């Protein structure tokens, strides 16, 4: 499984990142799945997904309790810019539920999908 934390909806890099996961879906599905996660509300996320999608994988809201999942993975931002959002981060989870790969990217950096695919191939 690929957990793709992204800072906020309605942001260009996040839209490109999630669009790339959709475009590359044949390279990882059905062996794995992407789950996109942001701290924005589910209503906000649903409307945004309609604009950038359709996406064939879930986008999840880490809105309440605010940022709990992001905090548990150590990617909640307590500082500006975007304090209260998550970092842009990728976690690849193996079949046993262990983190096989993790990396935090800059807010403006598009995570290279080739890096994520390589991590999937290793599990």
Protein backbone atom coordinates (compact mmCIF):
# COMPACT_ATOMS: atom_id res chain seq x y z
CA UNK A 1 0.00 0.00 0.00
CA UNK A 2 1.14 3.53 -0.78
CA UNK A 3 0.18 6.21 1.73
CA UNK A 4 0.56 9.55 0.00
CA UNK A 5 0.34 12.46 2.43
CA UNK A 6 -0.10 15.80 0.72
CA UNK A 7 -0.35 19.19 2.44
CA UNK A 8 -3.64 20.63 1.20
CA UNK A 9 -6.27 20.40 -1.51
CA UNK A 10 -6.59 23.09 -4.21
CA UNK A 11 -2.83 23.28 -4.65
CA UNK A 12 -1.02 22.69 -7.95
CA UNK A 13 1.68 20.25 -6.80
CA UNK A 14 -0.87 18.12 -4.92
CA UNK A 15 -3.11 18.01 -8.01
CA UNK A 16 -0.15 16.91 -10.17
CA UNK A 17 0.90 14.30 -7.62
CA UNK A 18 -2.54 12.72 -7.34
CA UNK A 19 -3.08 12.91 -11.10
CA UNK A 20 0.18 11.06 -11.64
CA UNK A 21 -0.92 8.24 -9.32
CA UNK A 22 -4.08 7.89 -11.40
CA UNK A 23 -2.17 7.97 -14.69
CA UNK A 24 0.32 5.36 -13.46
CA UNK A 25 -2.26 3.11 -11.77
CA UNK A 26 -1.64 0.21 -14.19
CA UNK A 27 1.92 -0.01 -12.83
CA UNK A 28 0.89 -0.74 -9.23
CA UNK A 29 -2.74 -1.93 -9.15
CA UNK A 30 -4.00 -4.55 -8.23
CA UNK A 31 -0.82 -5.58 -6.35
CA UNK A 32 -0.98 -2.34 -4.35
CA UNK A 33 -3.18 0.70 -3.88
CA UNK A 34 -2.67 4.41 -3.22
CA UNK A 35 -4.42 6.16 -0.36
CA UNK A 36 -4.16 9.95 -0.53
CA UNK A 37 -4.30 11.72 2.85
CA UNK A 38 -4.61 15.41 3.72
CA UNK A 39 -5.87 17.35 6.74
CA UNK A 40 -8.58 19.09 4.70
CA UNK A 41 -12.21 18.25 5.43
CA UNK A 42 -13.89 15.40 3.58
CA UNK A 43 -16.38 17.83 2.00
CA UNK A 44 -13.55 19.99 0.67
CA UNK A 45 -11.67 16.89 -0.53
CA UNK A 46 -14.74 15.50 -2.28
CA UNK A 47 -15.34 18.71 -4.23
CA UNK A 48 -11.66 19.00 -5.16
CA UNK A 49 -11.51 15.37 -6.30
CA UNK A 50 -14.41 16.06 -8.68
CA UNK A 51 -12.36 18.87 -10.20
CA UNK A 52 -9.06 16.98 -10.61
CA UNK A 53 -10.45 13.46 -11.10
CA UNK A 54 -11.99 11.09 -11.36
CA UNK A 55 -9.57 9.13 -9.20
CA UNK A 56 -9.89 5.38 -8.81
CA UNK A 57 -8.28 5.30 -5.39
CA UNK A 58 -9.41 6.79 -2.08
CA UNK A 59 -8.63 10.26 -0.78
CA UNK A 60 -8.95 10.38 3.00
CA UNK A 61 -9.50 13.28 5.33
CA UNK A 62 -7.29 13.59 8.42
CA UNK A 63 -9.45 16.48 9.58
CA UNK A 64 -10.84 15.17 12.88
CA UNK A 65 -9.23 14.76 15.22
CA UNK A 66 -7.19 17.25 13.27
CA UNK A 67 -4.02 15.69 11.90
CA UNK A 68 -4.09 12.58 14.08
CA UNK A 69 -2.94 10.22 11.31
CA UNK A 70 -0.30 12.70 10.14
CA UNK A 71 0.95 13.02 13.72
CA UNK A 72 1.09 9.24 14.10
CA UNK A 73 3.29 9.02 10.99
CA UNK A 74 5.42 11.96 12.11
CA UNK A 75 4.50 14.22 9.19
CA UNK A 76 2.24 16.85 10.81
CA UNK A 77 3.53 20.40 10.24
CA UNK A 78 3.73 22.49 13.40
CA UNK A 79 5.51 25.37 11.65
CA UNK A 80 4.88 27.84 8.86
CA UNK A 81 4.34 27.68 6.02
CA UNK A 82 1.21 25.57 6.16
CA UNK A 83 1.28 24.94 9.91
CA UNK A 84 -1.53 22.50 10.69
CA UNK A 85 -1.16 20.63 7.37
CA UNK A 86 0.86 17.50 6.69
CA UNK A 87 4.21 17.28 5.01
CA UNK A 88 4.31 15.91 1.48
CA UNK A 89 5.39 12.36 2.30
CA UNK A 90 5.23 8.83 0.91
CA UNK A 91 5.04 5.62 2.92
CA UNK A 92 5.07 2.20 1.30
CA UNK A 93 3.53 -0.39 3.62
CA UNK A 94 4.31 -4.08 3.09
CA UNK A 95 1.80 -6.94 3.42
CA UNK A 96 2.75 -7.43 7.08
CA UNK A 97 1.80 -3.80 7.80
CA UNK A 98 5.38 -2.60 8.24
CA UNK A 99 6.76 0.57 6.71
CA UNK A 100 9.06 -0.60 3.92
CA UNK A 101 9.84 2.88 2.57
CA UNK A 102 9.25 6.42 3.73
CA UNK A 103 10.37 9.79 2.51
CA UNK A 104 9.38 13.39 3.21
CA UNK A 105 9.56 15.82 0.30
CA UNK A 106 9.57 19.59 0.12
CA UNK A 107 6.15 21.21 -0.04
CA UNK A 108 6.77 22.29 -3.63
CA UNK A 109 8.48 19.05 -4.71
CA UNK A 110 6.65 16.46 -6.76
CA UNK A 111 7.64 13.02 -5.42
CA UNK A 112 9.17 10.99 -8.26
CA UNK A 113 6.77 8.14 -8.91
CA UNK A 114 9.68 5.99 -10.11
CA UNK A 115 11.04 6.08 -6.54
CA UNK A 116 7.73 4.82 -5.15
CA UNK A 117 7.52 2.06 -7.78
CA UNK A 118 11.05 0.94 -6.93
CA UNK A 119 10.09 0.70 -3.25
CA UNK A 120 7.04 -1.40 -4.19
CA UNK A 121 9.15 -3.77 -6.25
CA UNK A 122 11.40 -4.42 -3.28
CA UNK A 123 8.61 -5.74 -1.05
